[in-house]
N, C-alpha and C. Protein backbone atom coordinates (compact mmCIF):
# COMPACT_ATOMS: atom_id res chain seq x y z
N UNK A 1 18.87 -5.70 -56.16
CA UNK A 1 18.39 -5.97 -54.83
C UNK A 1 19.40 -6.84 -54.10
N UNK A 2 19.83 -6.40 -52.95
CA UNK A 2 20.81 -7.10 -52.13
C UNK A 2 20.08 -8.11 -51.23
N UNK A 3 20.59 -9.36 -51.20
CA UNK A 3 19.98 -10.41 -50.39
C UNK A 3 21.04 -11.17 -49.59
N UNK A 4 20.56 -11.85 -48.55
CA UNK A 4 21.40 -12.79 -47.80
C UNK A 4 20.68 -14.13 -47.83
N UNK A 5 21.38 -15.16 -48.27
CA UNK A 5 20.86 -16.52 -48.30
C UNK A 5 21.60 -17.34 -47.27
N UNK A 6 20.87 -18.11 -46.49
CA UNK A 6 21.45 -18.97 -45.47
C UNK A 6 21.00 -20.40 -45.76
N UNK A 7 21.95 -21.31 -45.85
CA UNK A 7 21.59 -22.72 -46.08
C UNK A 7 22.48 -23.63 -45.26
N UNK A 8 22.01 -24.86 -45.12
CA UNK A 8 22.76 -25.90 -44.43
C UNK A 8 22.84 -27.11 -45.36
N UNK A 9 23.94 -27.83 -45.29
CA UNK A 9 24.09 -29.07 -46.05
C UNK A 9 25.05 -29.99 -45.30
N UNK A 10 25.11 -31.20 -45.77
CA UNK A 10 26.07 -32.15 -45.23
C UNK A 10 27.05 -32.52 -46.33
N UNK A 11 28.31 -32.64 -45.98
CA UNK A 11 29.29 -33.02 -47.00
C UNK A 11 29.13 -34.49 -47.38
N UNK A 12 29.46 -34.79 -48.63
CA UNK A 12 29.55 -36.17 -49.07
C UNK A 12 31.00 -36.57 -48.85
N UNK A 13 31.24 -37.45 -47.92
CA UNK A 13 32.61 -37.83 -47.59
C UNK A 13 33.17 -36.94 -46.49
N UNK A 14 34.39 -37.24 -46.08
CA UNK A 14 34.99 -36.49 -44.97
C UNK A 14 35.37 -35.07 -45.37
N UNK A 15 35.32 -34.18 -44.39
CA UNK A 15 35.76 -32.80 -44.60
C UNK A 15 37.25 -32.77 -44.26
N UNK A 16 38.08 -32.72 -45.29
CA UNK A 16 39.53 -32.70 -45.09
C UNK A 16 40.05 -31.28 -45.32
N UNK A 17 41.26 -31.05 -44.92
CA UNK A 17 41.89 -29.76 -45.17
C UNK A 17 41.96 -29.48 -46.66
N UNK A 18 42.23 -30.50 -47.45
CA UNK A 18 42.29 -30.35 -48.91
C UNK A 18 40.94 -29.91 -49.47
N UNK A 19 39.87 -30.55 -49.02
CA UNK A 19 38.52 -30.19 -49.48
C UNK A 19 38.21 -28.75 -49.08
N UNK A 20 38.47 -28.41 -47.83
CA UNK A 20 38.18 -27.07 -47.32
C UNK A 20 38.98 -26.01 -48.08
N UNK A 21 40.26 -26.23 -48.28
CA UNK A 21 41.10 -25.28 -49.00
C UNK A 21 40.59 -25.09 -50.43
N UNK A 22 40.21 -26.19 -51.08
CA UNK A 22 39.69 -26.11 -52.44
C UNK A 22 38.40 -25.28 -52.48
N UNK A 23 37.51 -25.50 -51.53
CA UNK A 23 36.26 -24.73 -51.46
C UNK A 23 36.56 -23.25 -51.27
N UNK A 24 37.44 -22.93 -50.34
CA UNK A 24 37.78 -21.53 -50.09
C UNK A 24 38.41 -20.86 -51.30
N UNK A 25 39.31 -21.55 -51.98
CA UNK A 25 39.99 -20.98 -53.15
C UNK A 25 38.98 -20.72 -54.28
N UNK A 26 38.14 -21.73 -54.57
CA UNK A 26 37.14 -21.57 -55.63
C UNK A 26 36.15 -20.47 -55.27
N UNK A 27 35.70 -20.46 -54.03
CA UNK A 27 34.74 -19.45 -53.59
C UNK A 27 35.33 -18.06 -53.70
N UNK A 28 36.56 -17.91 -53.25
CA UNK A 28 37.21 -16.60 -53.30
C UNK A 28 37.26 -16.08 -54.73
N UNK A 29 37.71 -16.92 -55.65
CA UNK A 29 37.84 -16.50 -57.05
C UNK A 29 36.47 -16.16 -57.66
N UNK A 30 35.52 -17.07 -57.52
CA UNK A 30 34.19 -16.86 -58.10
C UNK A 30 33.47 -15.69 -57.44
N UNK A 31 33.49 -15.65 -56.13
CA UNK A 31 32.72 -14.64 -55.40
C UNK A 31 33.24 -13.22 -55.63
N UNK A 32 34.55 -13.08 -55.77
CA UNK A 32 35.11 -11.75 -56.08
C UNK A 32 34.54 -11.24 -57.41
N UNK A 33 34.50 -12.12 -58.41
CA UNK A 33 33.99 -11.74 -59.73
C UNK A 33 32.50 -11.42 -59.67
N UNK A 34 31.74 -12.17 -58.87
CA UNK A 34 30.28 -12.02 -58.80
C UNK A 34 29.84 -11.03 -57.72
N UNK A 35 30.82 -10.45 -57.01
CA UNK A 35 30.52 -9.51 -55.93
C UNK A 35 29.64 -10.15 -54.84
N UNK A 36 30.00 -11.39 -54.49
CA UNK A 36 29.32 -12.12 -53.43
C UNK A 36 30.24 -12.17 -52.22
N UNK A 37 29.67 -11.97 -51.06
CA UNK A 37 30.41 -12.08 -49.80
C UNK A 37 29.74 -13.15 -48.95
N UNK A 38 30.47 -13.63 -47.94
CA UNK A 38 29.84 -14.63 -47.09
C UNK A 38 30.79 -15.31 -46.15
N UNK A 39 30.22 -16.30 -45.48
CA UNK A 39 30.97 -17.08 -44.51
C UNK A 39 30.49 -18.52 -44.54
N UNK A 40 31.43 -19.43 -44.37
CA UNK A 40 31.15 -20.86 -44.33
C UNK A 40 31.53 -21.37 -42.95
N UNK A 41 30.58 -22.00 -42.30
CA UNK A 41 30.82 -22.64 -41.01
C UNK A 41 30.85 -24.14 -41.28
N UNK A 42 31.91 -24.79 -40.86
CA UNK A 42 32.00 -26.23 -41.09
C UNK A 42 32.33 -26.94 -39.79
N UNK A 43 31.83 -28.15 -39.69
CA UNK A 43 32.12 -28.99 -38.54
C UNK A 43 30.89 -29.75 -38.11
N UNK A 44 31.07 -30.67 -37.19
CA UNK A 44 29.99 -31.50 -36.67
C UNK A 44 29.23 -32.17 -37.81
N UNK A 45 29.94 -32.47 -38.92
CA UNK A 45 29.32 -33.17 -40.04
C UNK A 45 28.39 -32.33 -40.88
N UNK A 46 28.60 -31.00 -40.88
CA UNK A 46 27.73 -30.17 -41.70
C UNK A 46 28.43 -28.92 -42.17
N UNK A 47 27.81 -28.26 -43.13
CA UNK A 47 28.20 -26.94 -43.58
C UNK A 47 27.01 -26.02 -43.36
N UNK A 48 27.26 -24.85 -42.83
CA UNK A 48 26.26 -23.81 -42.67
C UNK A 48 26.87 -22.58 -43.34
N UNK A 49 26.17 -22.04 -44.34
CA UNK A 49 26.78 -20.97 -45.11
C UNK A 49 25.81 -19.83 -45.33
N UNK A 50 26.35 -18.60 -45.22
CA UNK A 50 25.61 -17.39 -45.54
C UNK A 50 26.26 -16.76 -46.76
N UNK A 51 25.44 -16.39 -47.74
CA UNK A 51 25.91 -15.75 -48.96
C UNK A 51 25.19 -14.42 -49.11
N UNK A 52 25.92 -13.37 -49.50
CA UNK A 52 25.34 -12.05 -49.68
C UNK A 52 25.71 -11.51 -51.05
N UNK A 53 24.76 -10.84 -51.67
CA UNK A 53 25.03 -10.21 -52.95
C UNK A 53 23.75 -9.87 -53.66
N UNK A 54 23.89 -9.50 -54.94
CA UNK A 54 22.71 -9.22 -55.75
C UNK A 54 21.92 -10.52 -55.91
N UNK A 55 20.60 -10.40 -55.87
CA UNK A 55 19.74 -11.58 -55.86
C UNK A 55 20.04 -12.53 -57.01
N UNK A 56 20.21 -12.02 -58.21
CA UNK A 56 20.45 -12.91 -59.36
C UNK A 56 21.77 -13.68 -59.20
N UNK A 57 22.81 -13.01 -58.70
CA UNK A 57 24.11 -13.68 -58.51
C UNK A 57 24.03 -14.74 -57.41
N UNK A 58 23.36 -14.41 -56.31
CA UNK A 58 23.23 -15.37 -55.21
C UNK A 58 22.39 -16.56 -55.66
N UNK A 59 21.33 -16.32 -56.42
CA UNK A 59 20.51 -17.42 -56.94
C UNK A 59 21.32 -18.34 -57.84
N UNK A 60 22.15 -17.76 -58.71
CA UNK A 60 22.99 -18.57 -59.60
C UNK A 60 23.95 -19.44 -58.79
N UNK A 61 24.57 -18.83 -57.78
CA UNK A 61 25.51 -19.59 -56.97
C UNK A 61 24.80 -20.70 -56.20
N UNK A 62 23.65 -20.40 -55.63
CA UNK A 62 22.92 -21.43 -54.88
C UNK A 62 22.50 -22.57 -55.81
N UNK A 63 22.14 -22.27 -57.04
CA UNK A 63 21.80 -23.33 -58.01
C UNK A 63 23.01 -24.22 -58.27
N UNK A 64 24.20 -23.61 -58.36
CA UNK A 64 25.43 -24.40 -58.54
C UNK A 64 25.68 -25.29 -57.34
N UNK A 65 25.46 -24.75 -56.15
CA UNK A 65 25.66 -25.52 -54.91
C UNK A 65 24.69 -26.70 -54.88
N UNK A 66 23.44 -26.46 -55.30
CA UNK A 66 22.44 -27.53 -55.31
C UNK A 66 22.87 -28.68 -56.22
N UNK A 67 23.61 -28.39 -57.27
CA UNK A 67 24.08 -29.42 -58.18
C UNK A 67 25.46 -29.97 -57.87
N UNK A 68 26.09 -29.45 -56.82
CA UNK A 68 27.45 -29.86 -56.45
C UNK A 68 27.41 -31.22 -55.74
N UNK A 69 28.17 -32.15 -56.25
CA UNK A 69 28.19 -33.51 -55.68
C UNK A 69 28.88 -33.59 -54.33
N UNK A 70 29.51 -32.50 -53.86
CA UNK A 70 30.13 -32.51 -52.54
C UNK A 70 29.10 -32.29 -51.43
N UNK A 71 27.87 -31.86 -51.82
CA UNK A 71 26.81 -31.55 -50.85
C UNK A 71 25.69 -32.59 -50.92
N UNK A 72 25.09 -32.84 -49.78
CA UNK A 72 23.85 -33.62 -49.72
C UNK A 72 22.96 -33.00 -48.65
N UNK A 73 21.68 -33.33 -48.71
CA UNK A 73 20.72 -32.80 -47.74
C UNK A 73 20.78 -31.28 -47.63
N UNK A 74 20.80 -30.62 -48.79
CA UNK A 74 20.87 -29.16 -48.83
C UNK A 74 19.49 -28.60 -48.50
N UNK A 75 19.47 -27.65 -47.58
CA UNK A 75 18.21 -27.03 -47.19
C UNK A 75 18.41 -25.53 -46.99
N UNK A 76 17.62 -24.74 -47.72
CA UNK A 76 17.68 -23.30 -47.55
C UNK A 76 16.95 -22.95 -46.25
N UNK A 77 17.62 -22.18 -45.40
CA UNK A 77 17.01 -21.74 -44.14
C UNK A 77 16.32 -20.40 -44.31
N UNK A 78 16.90 -19.53 -45.13
CA UNK A 78 16.27 -18.23 -45.38
C UNK A 78 16.93 -17.55 -46.57
N UNK A 79 16.16 -16.66 -47.17
CA UNK A 79 16.69 -15.73 -48.17
C UNK A 79 15.92 -14.44 -47.96
N UNK A 80 16.66 -13.42 -47.52
CA UNK A 80 16.03 -12.15 -47.17
C UNK A 80 16.69 -10.99 -47.87
N UNK A 81 15.88 -9.99 -48.18
CA UNK A 81 16.40 -8.74 -48.69
C UNK A 81 17.11 -8.03 -47.54
N UNK A 82 18.28 -7.47 -47.83
CA UNK A 82 19.05 -6.77 -46.80
C UNK A 82 19.44 -5.39 -47.30
N UNK A 83 19.68 -4.49 -46.37
CA UNK A 83 20.13 -3.14 -46.75
C UNK A 83 21.65 -3.05 -46.76
N UNK A 84 22.29 -3.83 -45.89
CA UNK A 84 23.75 -3.79 -45.75
C UNK A 84 24.29 -5.21 -45.61
N UNK A 85 25.48 -5.42 -46.12
CA UNK A 85 26.15 -6.72 -45.98
C UNK A 85 26.70 -6.85 -44.57
N UNK A 86 26.59 -8.02 -44.02
CA UNK A 86 27.17 -8.31 -42.71
C UNK A 86 28.59 -8.86 -42.87
N UNK A 87 28.89 -9.46 -44.02
CA UNK A 87 30.18 -10.13 -44.24
C UNK A 87 30.95 -9.46 -45.38
N UNK A 88 30.82 -8.15 -45.51
CA UNK A 88 31.38 -7.44 -46.66
C UNK A 88 32.90 -7.53 -46.78
N UNK A 89 33.58 -7.85 -45.68
CA UNK A 89 35.04 -7.91 -45.74
C UNK A 89 35.56 -9.24 -46.30
N UNK A 90 34.67 -10.20 -46.54
CA UNK A 90 35.12 -11.53 -46.99
C UNK A 90 34.41 -11.98 -48.25
N UNK A 91 35.18 -12.35 -49.29
CA UNK A 91 34.57 -13.02 -50.44
C UNK A 91 34.11 -14.41 -49.99
N UNK A 92 34.82 -14.98 -49.05
CA UNK A 92 34.38 -16.18 -48.34
C UNK A 92 35.36 -16.40 -47.19
N UNK A 93 34.81 -16.55 -46.00
CA UNK A 93 35.63 -16.84 -44.82
C UNK A 93 35.14 -18.15 -44.23
N UNK A 94 35.94 -18.74 -43.40
CA UNK A 94 35.64 -20.03 -42.80
C UNK A 94 35.72 -19.93 -41.29
N UNK A 95 34.71 -20.46 -40.62
CA UNK A 95 34.78 -20.65 -39.17
C UNK A 95 34.46 -22.11 -38.90
N UNK A 96 35.08 -22.65 -37.88
CA UNK A 96 34.86 -24.05 -37.54
C UNK A 96 33.81 -24.17 -36.45
N UNK A 97 32.93 -25.14 -36.62
CA UNK A 97 31.94 -25.48 -35.61
C UNK A 97 32.38 -26.80 -34.99
N UNK A 98 32.78 -26.74 -33.74
CA UNK A 98 33.19 -27.94 -33.02
C UNK A 98 32.14 -28.20 -31.96
N UNK A 99 31.46 -29.34 -32.07
CA UNK A 99 30.37 -29.63 -31.14
C UNK A 99 30.83 -29.67 -29.69
N UNK A 100 32.13 -29.84 -29.47
CA UNK A 100 32.65 -29.87 -28.09
C UNK A 100 33.17 -28.52 -27.62
N UNK A 101 33.11 -27.51 -28.47
CA UNK A 101 33.55 -26.17 -28.10
C UNK A 101 32.67 -25.66 -26.96
N UNK A 102 33.27 -25.21 -25.86
CA UNK A 102 32.46 -24.74 -24.73
C UNK A 102 31.52 -23.61 -25.10
N UNK A 103 31.93 -22.72 -26.00
CA UNK A 103 31.05 -21.62 -26.40
C UNK A 103 29.81 -22.17 -27.10
N UNK A 104 30.01 -23.15 -27.96
CA UNK A 104 28.87 -23.73 -28.68
C UNK A 104 27.95 -24.44 -27.70
N UNK A 105 28.52 -25.20 -26.76
CA UNK A 105 27.69 -25.92 -25.79
C UNK A 105 26.91 -24.97 -24.89
N UNK A 106 27.57 -23.91 -24.42
CA UNK A 106 26.90 -22.99 -23.51
C UNK A 106 25.85 -22.14 -24.21
N UNK A 107 26.20 -21.60 -25.35
CA UNK A 107 25.30 -20.68 -26.03
C UNK A 107 24.25 -21.40 -26.88
N UNK A 108 24.58 -22.56 -27.36
CA UNK A 108 23.70 -23.29 -28.27
C UNK A 108 23.76 -24.79 -27.96
N UNK A 109 23.32 -25.22 -26.78
CA UNK A 109 23.55 -26.60 -26.35
C UNK A 109 22.91 -27.66 -27.22
N UNK A 110 21.82 -27.37 -27.89
CA UNK A 110 21.12 -28.38 -28.67
C UNK A 110 21.00 -27.95 -30.13
N UNK A 111 21.97 -27.23 -30.63
CA UNK A 111 21.85 -26.66 -31.97
C UNK A 111 21.77 -27.73 -33.04
N UNK A 112 20.71 -27.67 -33.82
CA UNK A 112 20.52 -28.51 -34.99
C UNK A 112 20.05 -27.59 -36.11
N UNK A 113 20.91 -27.28 -37.08
CA UNK A 113 20.54 -26.30 -38.10
C UNK A 113 19.35 -26.71 -38.95
N UNK A 114 19.08 -28.02 -39.03
CA UNK A 114 17.94 -28.47 -39.83
C UNK A 114 16.60 -28.17 -39.15
N UNK A 115 16.61 -28.00 -37.84
CA UNK A 115 15.36 -27.68 -37.16
C UNK A 115 15.39 -26.29 -36.53
N UNK A 116 16.53 -25.63 -36.56
CA UNK A 116 16.66 -24.29 -35.97
C UNK A 116 16.01 -23.25 -36.86
N UNK A 117 15.63 -22.16 -36.25
CA UNK A 117 15.15 -21.02 -37.04
C UNK A 117 16.34 -20.37 -37.72
N UNK A 118 16.06 -19.61 -38.77
CA UNK A 118 17.13 -18.88 -39.46
C UNK A 118 17.79 -17.90 -38.51
N UNK A 119 17.01 -17.30 -37.60
CA UNK A 119 17.57 -16.36 -36.63
C UNK A 119 18.56 -17.05 -35.70
N UNK A 120 18.22 -18.27 -35.25
CA UNK A 120 19.14 -19.01 -34.38
C UNK A 120 20.41 -19.41 -35.13
N UNK A 121 20.27 -19.79 -36.39
CA UNK A 121 21.44 -20.16 -37.19
C UNK A 121 22.36 -18.95 -37.40
N UNK A 122 21.77 -17.78 -37.68
CA UNK A 122 22.59 -16.57 -37.84
C UNK A 122 23.23 -16.18 -36.51
N UNK A 123 22.51 -16.37 -35.40
CA UNK A 123 23.08 -16.06 -34.09
C UNK A 123 24.30 -16.94 -33.82
N UNK A 124 24.23 -18.20 -34.22
CA UNK A 124 25.37 -19.09 -34.05
C UNK A 124 26.55 -18.60 -34.89
N UNK A 125 26.30 -18.24 -36.15
CA UNK A 125 27.38 -17.72 -36.99
C UNK A 125 28.00 -16.48 -36.37
N UNK A 126 27.17 -15.57 -35.89
CA UNK A 126 27.68 -14.35 -35.25
C UNK A 126 28.54 -14.69 -34.03
N UNK A 127 28.08 -15.61 -33.21
CA UNK A 127 28.82 -16.00 -32.01
C UNK A 127 30.15 -16.64 -32.38
N UNK A 128 30.15 -17.49 -33.42
CA UNK A 128 31.39 -18.14 -33.85
C UNK A 128 32.39 -17.12 -34.40
N UNK A 129 31.90 -16.15 -35.14
CA UNK A 129 32.79 -15.11 -35.67
C UNK A 129 33.41 -14.32 -34.53
N UNK A 130 32.63 -13.99 -33.52
CA UNK A 130 33.13 -13.20 -32.40
C UNK A 130 34.09 -13.98 -31.52
N UNK A 131 33.93 -15.31 -31.45
CA UNK A 131 34.76 -16.10 -30.55
C UNK A 131 36.00 -16.71 -31.22
N UNK A 132 36.12 -16.53 -32.52
CA UNK A 132 37.28 -17.11 -33.21
C UNK A 132 37.75 -16.16 -34.29
N UNK A 133 38.78 -16.56 -34.97
CA UNK A 133 39.30 -15.76 -36.08
C UNK A 133 38.96 -16.49 -37.37
N UNK A 134 38.00 -15.96 -38.15
CA UNK A 134 37.69 -16.61 -39.41
C UNK A 134 38.92 -16.72 -40.31
N UNK A 135 39.00 -17.82 -41.01
CA UNK A 135 40.08 -18.09 -41.94
C UNK A 135 39.66 -17.52 -43.29
N UNK A 136 40.52 -16.75 -43.92
CA UNK A 136 40.20 -16.16 -45.21
C UNK A 136 41.31 -16.41 -46.21
N UNK A 137 40.96 -16.32 -47.47
CA UNK A 137 41.93 -16.39 -48.55
C UNK A 137 42.19 -14.95 -48.99
N UNK A 138 43.42 -14.55 -49.00
CA UNK A 138 43.76 -13.17 -49.35
C UNK A 138 44.15 -13.11 -50.83
N UNK A 139 43.95 -11.93 -51.43
CA UNK A 139 44.36 -11.72 -52.82
C UNK A 139 45.88 -11.83 -52.91
N UNK A 140 46.31 -12.42 -53.99
CA UNK A 140 47.76 -12.56 -54.20
C UNK A 140 48.35 -11.30 -54.76
């Protein structure tokens, strides 16, 4: 059964380029093996991530994330059965959420992922993907 899981968390400590690169590299390697796809949105002091794959694999990964000391205040926004992957081209891609970005202010002026509906959070991810170029790790 194919599912999409959407969660939000806050990083423990600053989000640096080193931290982000490490997350992308580990995600790319693990997710390719587990046939998981997804996107990570980072910025404004939070991470918003969508993961897609077989339910058992996504559950295992989410359990690992729950135990990861880099995350705090982890909250699942949704987990739904899906017919098709939305992020099938990426084992993990990154988009930046900048609270001062005009697109974010205009389209989502009061966005708070902890109180937003899962639909609103996915709409934000979709808008960010369309307005920017997600950063991906390519196979060597």
